[in-house]
Amino acid sequence: MKFEEFYKDASTKIDEIAERILTLEGEPLHTYSDYLKTTEVKEEKNVTDGTQGVEIIVKNFSILIKKERDILSLAADANDEGTQSLMSDYISETEKTLWMLNAYLK
């Protein structure tokens, strides 16, 4: 159930980020395969162990939070308050999620 919640949340955030890119007159990527070519978060297959699944999520969320902080810094440098606000919210959520998942693994 929690894995599905993470999936739905990621899907929502992908849409929000794409909308932000369009708002800034950029062009977001359009396909999952395009994202896979550019990401540090790698697709995992055949994970059947729950603890292993949580460990993978912790690893991936650790990558995401670093990226979110990098984007926050770049947005601050560009005086882009909209992106700063979006990333600030994402960072708070990711930090809390990482804290909960790490507590589970202990």
N, C-alpha and C. Protein backbone atom coordinates (compact mmCIF):
# COMPACT_ATOMS: atom_id res chain seq x y z
N MET A 1 0.81 -1.19 0.00
CA MET A 1 0.00 0.00 0.00
C MET A 1 0.87 1.26 0.00
N LYS A 2 1.89 1.29 0.84
CA LYS A 2 2.75 2.48 0.91
C LYS A 2 3.49 2.68 -0.40
N PHE A 3 3.93 1.59 -1.03
CA PHE A 3 4.64 1.71 -2.30
C PHE A 3 3.73 2.37 -3.35
N GLU A 4 2.46 2.01 -3.35
CA GLU A 4 1.51 2.62 -4.29
C GLU A 4 1.34 4.11 -3.99
N GLU A 5 1.33 4.45 -2.72
CA GLU A 5 1.24 5.87 -2.31
C GLU A 5 2.44 6.66 -2.85
N PHE A 6 3.63 6.08 -2.74
CA PHE A 6 4.83 6.74 -3.27
C PHE A 6 4.73 6.91 -4.79
N TYR A 7 4.24 5.89 -5.45
CA TYR A 7 4.08 5.94 -6.91
C TYR A 7 3.13 7.06 -7.31
N LYS A 8 1.98 7.14 -6.65
CA LYS A 8 1.00 8.17 -6.98
C LYS A 8 1.54 9.56 -6.68
N ASP A 9 2.27 9.70 -5.58
CA ASP A 9 2.86 10.98 -5.23
C ASP A 9 3.89 11.40 -6.28
N ALA A 10 4.72 10.45 -6.72
CA ALA A 10 5.72 10.75 -7.74
C ALA A 10 5.04 11.18 -9.03
N SER A 11 3.97 10.52 -9.41
CA SER A 11 3.24 10.86 -10.62
C SER A 11 2.68 12.28 -10.54
N THR A 12 2.14 12.63 -9.40
CA THR A 12 1.62 13.99 -9.20
C THR A 12 2.73 15.02 -9.31
N LYS A 13 3.87 14.72 -8.70
CA LYS A 13 4.99 15.66 -8.72
C LYS A 13 5.58 15.81 -10.12
N ILE A 14 5.60 14.74 -10.88
CA ILE A 14 6.07 14.83 -12.26
C ILE A 14 5.19 15.81 -13.04
N ASP A 15 3.88 15.72 -12.84
CA ASP A 15 2.96 16.65 -13.51
C ASP A 15 3.20 18.08 -13.05
N GLU A 16 3.39 18.28 -11.75
CA GLU A 16 3.62 19.63 -11.22
C GLU A 16 4.92 20.22 -11.77
N ILE A 17 5.94 19.41 -11.84
CA ILE A 17 7.23 19.89 -12.36
C ILE A 17 7.11 20.22 -13.85
N ALA A 18 6.43 19.37 -14.59
CA ALA A 18 6.22 19.63 -16.02
C ALA A 18 5.45 20.95 -16.21
N GLU A 19 4.44 21.17 -15.40
CA GLU A 19 3.68 22.42 -15.48
C GLU A 19 4.56 23.62 -15.15
N ARG A 20 5.45 23.45 -14.17
CA ARG A 20 6.36 24.54 -13.80
C ARG A 20 7.31 24.85 -14.95
N ILE A 21 7.83 23.81 -15.57
CA ILE A 21 8.73 23.99 -16.72
C ILE A 21 8.00 24.72 -17.84
N LEU A 22 6.76 24.33 -18.12
CA LEU A 22 5.97 25.01 -19.15
C LEU A 22 5.70 26.46 -18.78
N THR A 23 5.42 26.71 -17.49
CA THR A 23 5.20 28.07 -17.02
C THR A 23 6.41 28.95 -17.28
N LEU A 24 7.58 28.36 -17.16
CA LEU A 24 8.84 29.09 -17.39
C LEU A 24 9.25 29.07 -18.86
N GLU A 25 8.31 28.64 -19.71
CA GLU A 25 8.49 28.59 -21.16
C GLU A 25 9.56 27.60 -21.60
N GLY A 26 9.73 26.54 -20.81
CA GLY A 26 10.62 25.45 -21.19
C GLY A 26 9.81 24.30 -21.76
N GLU A 27 10.49 23.23 -22.07
CA GLU A 27 9.82 22.04 -22.59
C GLU A 27 10.23 20.83 -21.76
N PRO A 28 9.29 20.25 -21.03
CA PRO A 28 9.61 19.07 -20.23
C PRO A 28 9.81 17.84 -21.11
N LEU A 29 10.46 16.84 -20.55
CA LEU A 29 10.56 15.55 -21.24
C LEU A 29 9.14 14.98 -21.38
N HIS A 30 8.96 14.11 -22.38
CA HIS A 30 7.61 13.63 -22.64
C HIS A 30 7.42 12.13 -22.42
N THR A 31 8.48 11.36 -22.34
CA THR A 31 8.31 9.92 -22.21
C THR A 31 9.11 9.38 -21.04
N TYR A 32 8.63 8.26 -20.53
CA TYR A 32 9.32 7.60 -19.43
C TYR A 32 10.73 7.20 -19.86
N SER A 33 10.89 6.76 -21.09
CA SER A 33 12.22 6.36 -21.57
C SER A 33 13.17 7.55 -21.61
N ASP A 34 12.66 8.75 -21.92
CA ASP A 34 13.51 9.95 -21.88
C ASP A 34 13.99 10.22 -20.45
N TYR A 35 13.09 10.07 -19.49
CA TYR A 35 13.46 10.27 -18.09
C TYR A 35 14.51 9.24 -17.65
N LEU A 36 14.33 8.00 -18.06
CA LEU A 36 15.28 6.95 -17.67
C LEU A 36 16.68 7.22 -18.20
N LYS A 37 16.78 7.88 -19.34
CA LYS A 37 18.09 8.20 -19.92
C LYS A 37 18.83 9.28 -19.14
N THR A 38 18.09 10.11 -18.41
CA THR A 38 18.71 11.27 -17.76
C THR A 38 18.76 11.19 -16.25
N THR A 39 18.24 10.15 -15.65
CA THR A 39 18.10 10.10 -14.20
C THR A 39 19.20 9.30 -13.52
N GLU A 40 19.47 9.66 -12.28
CA GLU A 40 20.33 8.84 -11.42
C GLU A 40 19.52 7.77 -10.71
N VAL A 41 18.21 7.94 -10.65
CA VAL A 41 17.32 6.95 -10.03
C VAL A 41 17.05 5.88 -11.07
N LYS A 42 17.48 4.69 -10.79
CA LYS A 42 17.37 3.60 -11.76
C LYS A 42 16.15 2.73 -11.48
N GLU A 43 15.61 2.21 -12.56
CA GLU A 43 14.47 1.30 -12.46
C GLU A 43 14.92 -0.01 -11.80
N GLU A 44 14.09 -0.52 -10.92
CA GLU A 44 14.36 -1.79 -10.25
C GLU A 44 13.32 -2.81 -10.68
N LYS A 45 13.73 -4.06 -10.81
CA LYS A 45 12.81 -5.12 -11.21
C LYS A 45 12.88 -6.27 -10.23
N ASN A 46 11.79 -7.00 -10.16
CA ASN A 46 11.73 -8.26 -9.42
C ASN A 46 12.13 -8.12 -7.95
N VAL A 47 11.74 -7.03 -7.31
CA VAL A 47 11.99 -6.85 -5.89
C VAL A 47 10.81 -7.45 -5.15
N THR A 48 11.06 -8.52 -4.40
CA THR A 48 9.97 -9.19 -3.69
C THR A 48 10.10 -9.07 -2.18
N ASP A 49 11.25 -8.63 -1.71
CA ASP A 49 11.50 -8.48 -0.27
C ASP A 49 11.15 -7.06 0.15
N GLY A 50 10.24 -6.92 1.11
CA GLY A 50 9.80 -5.60 1.55
C GLY A 50 10.91 -4.73 2.08
N THR A 51 11.79 -5.29 2.89
CA THR A 51 12.90 -4.52 3.44
C THR A 51 13.82 -4.04 2.32
N GLN A 52 14.09 -4.89 1.37
CA GLN A 52 14.92 -4.49 0.24
C GLN A 52 14.23 -3.36 -0.53
N GLY A 53 12.93 -3.44 -0.69
CA GLY A 53 12.17 -2.39 -1.36
C GLY A 53 12.31 -1.06 -0.64
N VAL A 54 12.22 -1.09 0.68
CA VAL A 54 12.38 0.14 1.47
C VAL A 54 13.80 0.68 1.33
N GLU A 55 14.79 -0.18 1.34
CA GLU A 55 16.18 0.25 1.17
C GLU A 55 16.38 0.94 -0.18
N ILE A 56 15.77 0.40 -1.21
CA ILE A 56 15.86 1.00 -2.54
C ILE A 56 15.20 2.38 -2.54
N ILE A 57 14.05 2.47 -1.91
CA ILE A 57 13.36 3.76 -1.84
C ILE A 57 14.18 4.78 -1.07
N VAL A 58 14.80 4.38 0.03
CA VAL A 58 15.65 5.29 0.80
C VAL A 58 16.80 5.78 -0.08
N LYS A 59 17.43 4.87 -0.82
CA LYS A 59 18.52 5.26 -1.71
C LYS A 59 18.03 6.27 -2.75
N ASN A 60 16.90 5.99 -3.35
CA ASN A 60 16.36 6.87 -4.39
C ASN A 60 15.89 8.21 -3.83
N PHE A 61 15.25 8.20 -2.68
CA PHE A 61 14.82 9.45 -2.07
C PHE A 61 16.03 10.29 -1.65
N SER A 62 17.12 9.65 -1.28
CA SER A 62 18.35 10.39 -0.95
C SER A 62 18.89 11.11 -2.18
N ILE A 63 18.79 10.47 -3.33
CA ILE A 63 19.17 11.12 -4.60
C ILE A 63 18.23 12.28 -4.88
N LEU A 64 16.93 12.05 -4.71
CA LEU A 64 15.94 13.09 -4.99
C LEU A 64 16.13 14.32 -4.11
N ILE A 65 16.38 14.11 -2.83
CA ILE A 65 16.50 15.26 -1.94
C ILE A 65 17.73 16.10 -2.30
N LYS A 66 18.79 15.44 -2.73
CA LYS A 66 19.96 16.20 -3.18
C LYS A 66 19.61 17.04 -4.40
N LYS A 67 18.89 16.45 -5.35
CA LYS A 67 18.46 17.16 -6.55
C LYS A 67 17.52 18.31 -6.19
N GLU A 68 16.59 18.06 -5.27
CA GLU A 68 15.66 19.10 -4.85
C GLU A 68 16.41 20.28 -4.24
N ARG A 69 17.42 19.99 -3.43
CA ARG A 69 18.21 21.07 -2.82
C ARG A 69 19.03 21.82 -3.86
N ASP A 70 19.56 21.10 -4.85
CA ASP A 70 20.29 21.76 -5.94
C ASP A 70 19.37 22.70 -6.72
N ILE A 71 18.16 22.23 -7.02
CA ILE A 71 17.20 23.05 -7.75
C ILE A 71 16.79 24.26 -6.92
N LEU A 72 16.60 24.05 -5.61
CA LEU A 72 16.25 25.16 -4.72
C LEU A 72 17.33 26.24 -4.77
N SER A 73 18.57 25.83 -4.73
CA SER A 73 19.69 26.77 -4.79
C SER A 73 19.72 27.52 -6.12
N LEU A 74 19.56 26.79 -7.21
CA LEU A 74 19.55 27.42 -8.54
C LEU A 74 18.36 28.39 -8.67
N ALA A 75 17.21 28.00 -8.14
CA ALA A 75 16.03 28.86 -8.21
C ALA A 75 16.25 30.13 -7.39
N ALA A 76 16.92 30.00 -6.24
CA ALA A 76 17.22 31.18 -5.42
C ALA A 76 18.14 32.12 -6.18
N ASP A 77 19.15 31.57 -6.82
CA ASP A 77 20.08 32.38 -7.61
C ASP A 77 19.37 33.11 -8.75
N ALA A 78 18.33 32.49 -9.29
CA ALA A 78 17.58 33.06 -10.42
C ALA A 78 16.38 33.91 -9.96
N ASN A 79 16.23 34.07 -8.64
CA ASN A 79 15.07 34.80 -8.09
C ASN A 79 13.75 34.21 -8.58
N ASP A 80 13.69 32.89 -8.66
CA ASP A 80 12.50 32.17 -9.13
C ASP A 80 11.73 31.65 -7.91
N GLU A 81 10.87 32.52 -7.38
CA GLU A 81 10.15 32.19 -6.15
C GLU A 81 9.20 31.02 -6.32
N GLY A 82 8.60 30.86 -7.50
CA GLY A 82 7.67 29.75 -7.72
C GLY A 82 8.35 28.40 -7.59
N THR A 83 9.53 28.28 -8.22
CA THR A 83 10.27 27.02 -8.13
C THR A 83 10.82 26.82 -6.73
N GLN A 84 11.25 27.92 -6.08
CA GLN A 84 11.73 27.80 -4.70
C GLN A 84 10.63 27.26 -3.79
N SER A 85 9.43 27.78 -3.95
CA SER A 85 8.32 27.33 -3.13
C SER A 85 8.01 25.85 -3.36
N LEU A 86 8.00 25.45 -4.63
CA LEU A 86 7.73 24.06 -4.98
C LEU A 86 8.79 23.14 -4.37
N MET A 87 10.06 23.50 -4.54
CA MET A 87 11.13 22.66 -4.03
C MET A 87 11.16 22.64 -2.50
N SER A 88 10.86 23.76 -1.90
CA SER A 88 10.82 23.81 -0.43
C SER A 88 9.78 22.83 0.11
N ASP A 89 8.62 22.82 -0.52
CA ASP A 89 7.57 21.86 -0.10
C ASP A 89 8.03 20.42 -0.32
N TYR A 90 8.64 20.16 -1.47
CA TYR A 90 9.11 18.80 -1.77
C TYR A 90 10.18 18.37 -0.78
N ILE A 91 11.09 19.26 -0.45
CA ILE A 91 12.17 18.93 0.49
C ILE A 91 11.59 18.55 1.84
N SER A 92 10.64 19.32 2.33
CA SER A 92 10.01 19.00 3.62
C SER A 92 9.38 17.62 3.60
N GLU A 93 8.66 17.31 2.52
CA GLU A 93 8.02 16.00 2.40
C GLU A 93 9.06 14.88 2.31
N THR A 94 10.10 15.08 1.52
CA THR A 94 11.11 14.05 1.33
C THR A 94 11.88 13.80 2.62
N GLU A 95 12.21 14.87 3.34
CA GLU A 95 12.91 14.71 4.62
C GLU A 95 12.09 13.88 5.59
N LYS A 96 10.81 14.18 5.69
CA LYS A 96 9.93 13.43 6.60
C LYS A 96 9.82 11.97 6.18
N THR A 97 9.66 11.74 4.89
CA THR A 97 9.56 10.37 4.39
C THR A 97 10.85 9.60 4.67
N LEU A 98 11.99 10.22 4.40
CA LEU A 98 13.27 9.55 4.67
C LEU A 98 13.42 9.23 6.15
N TRP A 99 13.02 10.14 7.00
CA TRP A 99 13.10 9.92 8.44
C TRP A 99 12.25 8.71 8.84
N MET A 100 11.03 8.63 8.31
CA MET A 100 10.14 7.51 8.65
C MET A 100 10.68 6.19 8.10
N LEU A 101 11.17 6.20 6.88
CA LEU A 101 11.69 4.96 6.28
C LEU A 101 12.95 4.48 6.99
N ASN A 102 13.83 5.40 7.32
CA ASN A 102 15.05 5.02 8.06
C ASN A 102 14.71 4.48 9.44
N ALA A 103 13.70 5.06 10.09
CA ALA A 103 13.27 4.55 11.38
C ALA A 103 12.75 3.13 11.25
N TYR A 104 12.03 2.84 10.17
CA TYR A 104 11.52 1.49 9.90
C TYR A 104 12.67 0.50 9.74
N LEU A 105 13.73 0.93 9.07
CA LEU A 105 14.86 0.02 8.79
C LEU A 105 15.71 -0.27 10.02
N LYS A 106 15.61 0.55 11.05
CA LYS A 106 16.44 0.33 12.26
C LYS A 106 15.92 -0.75 13.13
